[in-house]
Amino acid sequence: PAAGLTDAVQVRQADFFALDPGELSLSAPGLVVLNPPYGRRLGTPAESRGLMGAVTARLRERFAGWRFVLVAPAAARPAGLPAGTAVHPVFHGGLNVRFYIGRLP
């Protein structure tokens, strides 16, 4: 409220797989930012890749037209992101991660 953006910004912390963008009070697609578990919080590299695959599938099926930022470990290499997705390597918390930034078709 102090920033005067309540009519333009909704911030939610929620289970991404339970989130329905149709339930948000938006007049147009928005921006979804995801920082799912990775590294020690998730387990093996294969488990991390599996989660990233599920995340990208959910993005594509439920968030058409939305912009996205996905934080993922460098080893996960999320499959299924749209062509033209920008990749920005970042060293964060002792881990090499990537910010994947793009728009869903």
C-alpha atoms as a PDB file:
ATOM      1  CA  PRO A   1       0.000   0.000   0.000  1.00  0.00           C
ATOM      2  CA  ALA A   2       2.785   2.465   0.826  1.00  0.00           C
ATOM      3  CA  ALA A   3       4.124   2.283  -2.716  1.00  0.00           C
ATOM      4  CA  GLY A   4       0.697   2.974  -4.197  1.00  0.00           C
ATOM      5  CA  LEU A   5       0.770  -0.084  -6.449  1.00  0.00           C
ATOM      6  CA  THR A   6      -2.066  -2.162  -5.015  1.00  0.00           C
ATOM      7  CA  ASP A   7      -4.123  -1.651  -8.170  1.00  0.00           C
ATOM      8  CA  ALA A   8      -1.261  -2.950 -10.374  1.00  0.00           C
ATOM      9  CA  VAL A   9       0.609  -5.563  -8.319  1.00  0.00           C
ATOM     10  CA  GLN A  10      -0.462  -8.734  -6.555  1.00  0.00           C
ATOM     11  CA  VAL A  11       2.137 -10.620  -4.565  1.00  0.00           C
ATOM     12  CA  ARG A  12       1.393 -14.155  -3.489  1.00  0.00           C
ATOM     13  CA  GLN A  13       3.361 -16.899  -1.885  1.00  0.00           C
ATOM     14  CA  ALA A  14       1.589 -20.095  -2.860  1.00  0.00           C
ATOM     15  CA  ASP A  15       1.935 -23.618  -4.112  1.00  0.00           C
ATOM     16  CA  PHE A  16       2.626 -22.990  -7.778  1.00  0.00           C
ATOM     17  CA  PHE A  17       0.918 -26.213  -8.856  1.00  0.00           C
ATOM     18  CA  ALA A  18      -2.289 -25.172  -7.059  1.00  0.00           C
ATOM     19  CA  LEU A  19      -2.267 -21.600  -8.391  1.00  0.00           C
ATOM     20  CA  ASP A  20      -4.947 -20.836 -10.974  1.00  0.00           C
ATOM     21  CA  PRO A  21      -4.142 -17.611 -12.847  1.00  0.00           C
ATOM     22  CA  GLY A  22      -7.843 -17.308 -13.740  1.00  0.00           C
ATOM     23  CA  GLU A  23      -8.600 -16.664 -10.056  1.00  0.00           C
ATOM     24  CA  LEU A  24      -6.411 -13.566  -9.975  1.00  0.00           C
ATOM     25  CA  SER A  25      -8.099 -10.212 -10.471  1.00  0.00           C
ATOM     26  CA  LEU A  26      -6.109  -9.242 -13.547  1.00  0.00           C
ATOM     27  CA  SER A  27      -7.403  -7.708 -16.732  1.00  0.00           C
ATOM     28  CA  ALA A  28      -4.482  -9.127 -18.747  1.00  0.00           C
ATOM     29  CA  PRO A  29      -1.759 -11.750 -18.370  1.00  0.00           C
ATOM     30  CA  GLY A  30       0.895 -10.746 -15.863  1.00  0.00           C
ATOM     31  CA  LEU A  31       4.323 -11.744 -14.653  1.00  0.00           C
ATOM     32  CA  VAL A  32       4.932 -14.931 -12.687  1.00  0.00           C
ATOM     33  CA  VAL A  33       8.225 -15.250 -10.807  1.00  0.00           C
ATOM     34  CA  LEU A  34       9.245 -18.678  -9.522  1.00  0.00           C
ATOM     35  CA  ASN A  35      12.080 -19.652  -7.229  1.00  0.00           C
ATOM     36  CA  PRO A  36      11.344 -23.356  -6.715  1.00  0.00           C
ATOM     37  CA  PRO A  37      13.462 -25.547  -4.445  1.00  0.00           C
ATOM     38  CA  TYR A  38      16.802 -26.681  -5.782  1.00  0.00           C
ATOM     39  CA  GLY A  39      20.161 -27.808  -4.508  1.00  0.00           C
ATOM     40  CA  ARG A  40      20.103 -29.502  -1.114  1.00  0.00           C
ATOM     41  CA  ARG A  41      16.454 -28.539  -0.589  1.00  0.00           C
ATOM     42  CA  LEU A  42      15.385 -30.818  -3.418  1.00  0.00           C
ATOM     43  CA  GLY A  43      17.821 -33.692  -3.624  1.00  0.00           C
ATOM     44  CA  THR A  44      19.537 -35.190  -6.630  1.00  0.00           C
ATOM     45  CA  PRO A  45      20.156 -33.452  -9.968  1.00  0.00           C
ATOM     46  CA  ALA A  46      17.622 -35.846 -11.534  1.00  0.00           C
ATOM     47  CA  GLU A  47      14.972 -34.763  -8.981  1.00  0.00           C
ATOM     48  CA  SER A  48      15.767 -31.138  -9.721  1.00  0.00           C
ATOM     49  CA  ARG A  49      15.407 -31.695 -13.481  1.00  0.00           C
ATOM     50  CA  GLY A  50      12.113 -33.503 -12.865  1.00  0.00           C
ATOM     51  CA  LEU A  51      10.726 -30.590 -10.869  1.00  0.00           C
ATOM     52  CA  MET A  52      11.878 -28.092 -13.508  1.00  0.00           C
ATOM     53  CA  GLY A  53      10.159 -30.151 -16.199  1.00  0.00           C
ATOM     54  CA  ALA A  54       6.922 -30.155 -14.205  1.00  0.00           C
ATOM     55  CA  VAL A  55       7.202 -26.400 -13.651  1.00  0.00           C
ATOM     56  CA  THR A  56       7.724 -25.618 -17.341  1.00  0.00           C
ATOM     57  CA  ALA A  57       4.840 -27.911 -18.315  1.00  0.00           C
ATOM     58  CA  ARG A  58       2.550 -26.132 -15.853  1.00  0.00           C
ATOM     59  CA  LEU A  59       3.673 -22.721 -17.100  1.00  0.00           C
ATOM     60  CA  ARG A  60       2.860 -23.678 -20.675  1.00  0.00           C
ATOM     61  CA  GLU A  61      -0.551 -25.172 -19.857  1.00  0.00           C
ATOM     62  CA  ARG A  62      -1.872 -22.520 -17.423  1.00  0.00           C
ATOM     63  CA  PHE A  63      -0.001 -19.257 -18.076  1.00  0.00           C
ATOM     64  CA  ALA A  64      -0.321 -18.626 -21.823  1.00  0.00           C
ATOM     65  CA  GLY A  65       0.579 -15.029 -22.650  1.00  0.00           C
ATOM     66  CA  TRP A  66       2.254 -14.405 -19.305  1.00  0.00           C
ATOM     67  CA  ARG A  67       5.814 -13.227 -18.816  1.00  0.00           C
ATOM     68  CA  PHE A  68       7.910 -15.352 -16.487  1.00  0.00           C
ATOM     69  CA  VAL A  69      11.112 -15.450 -14.478  1.00  0.00           C
ATOM     70  CA  LEU A  70      12.259 -18.899 -13.410  1.00  0.00           C
ATOM     71  CA  VAL A  71      15.219 -19.378 -11.072  1.00  0.00           C
ATOM     72  CA  ALA A  72      16.815 -22.797 -11.617  1.00  0.00           C
ATOM     73  CA  PRO A  73      20.103 -24.501 -10.823  1.00  0.00           C
ATOM     74  CA  ALA A  74      22.591 -24.512 -13.674  1.00  0.00           C
ATOM     75  CA  ALA A  75      22.488 -28.318 -13.813  1.00  0.00           C
ATOM     76  CA  ALA A  76      18.680 -28.486 -14.154  1.00  0.00           C
ATOM     77  CA  ARG A  77      18.392 -26.993 -17.671  1.00  0.00           C
ATOM     78  CA  PRO A  78      14.597 -26.628 -17.767  1.00  0.00           C
ATOM     79  CA  ALA A  79      13.191 -28.211 -20.924  1.00  0.00           C
ATOM     80  CA  GLY A  80      10.184 -26.857 -22.760  1.00  0.00           C
ATOM     81  CA  LEU A  81      10.734 -23.145 -22.291  1.00  0.00           C
ATOM     82  CA  PRO A  82       9.729 -21.009 -25.275  1.00  0.00           C
ATOM     83  CA  ALA A  83      12.221 -20.048 -27.959  1.00  0.00           C
ATOM     84  CA  GLY A  84      13.781 -16.695 -27.199  1.00  0.00           C
ATOM     85  CA  THR A  85      13.905 -17.254 -23.440  1.00  0.00           C
ATOM     86  CA  ALA A  86      16.804 -15.218 -22.061  1.00  0.00           C
ATOM     87  CA  VAL A  87      19.232 -17.000 -19.752  1.00  0.00           C
ATOM     88  CA  HIS A  88      21.208 -15.057 -17.148  1.00  0.00           C
ATOM     89  CA  PRO A  89      23.805 -16.965 -15.069  1.00  0.00           C
ATOM     90  CA  VAL A  90      24.042 -15.861 -11.435  1.00  0.00           C
ATOM     91  CA  PHE A  91      26.091 -17.083  -8.482  1.00  0.00           C
ATOM     92  CA  HIS A  92      23.647 -17.124  -5.562  1.00  0.00           C
ATOM     93  CA  GLY A  93      24.010 -18.628  -2.100  1.00  0.00           C
ATOM     94  CA  GLY A  94      27.055 -20.643  -3.114  1.00  0.00           C
ATOM     95  CA  LEU A  95      25.308 -22.129  -6.149  1.00  0.00           C
ATOM     96  CA  ASN A  96      25.422 -21.432  -9.851  1.00  0.00           C
ATOM     97  CA  VAL A  97      21.868 -20.691 -10.900  1.00  0.00           C
ATOM     98  CA  ARG A  98      20.204 -19.316 -13.999  1.00  0.00           C
ATOM     99  CA  PHE A  99      17.438 -16.780 -14.347  1.00  0.00           C
ATOM    100  CA  TYR A 100      15.257 -17.783 -17.292  1.00  0.00           C
ATOM    101  CA  ILE A 101      13.214 -14.816 -18.491  1.00  0.00           C
ATOM    102  CA  GLY A 102      10.650 -14.861 -21.267  1.00  0.00           C
ATOM    103  CA  ARG A 103       7.041 -14.834 -22.419  1.00  0.00           C
ATOM    104  CA  LEU A 104       4.825 -17.860 -22.796  1.00  0.00           C
ATOM    105  CA  PRO A 105       3.066 -18.332 -26.136  1.00  0.00           C
END
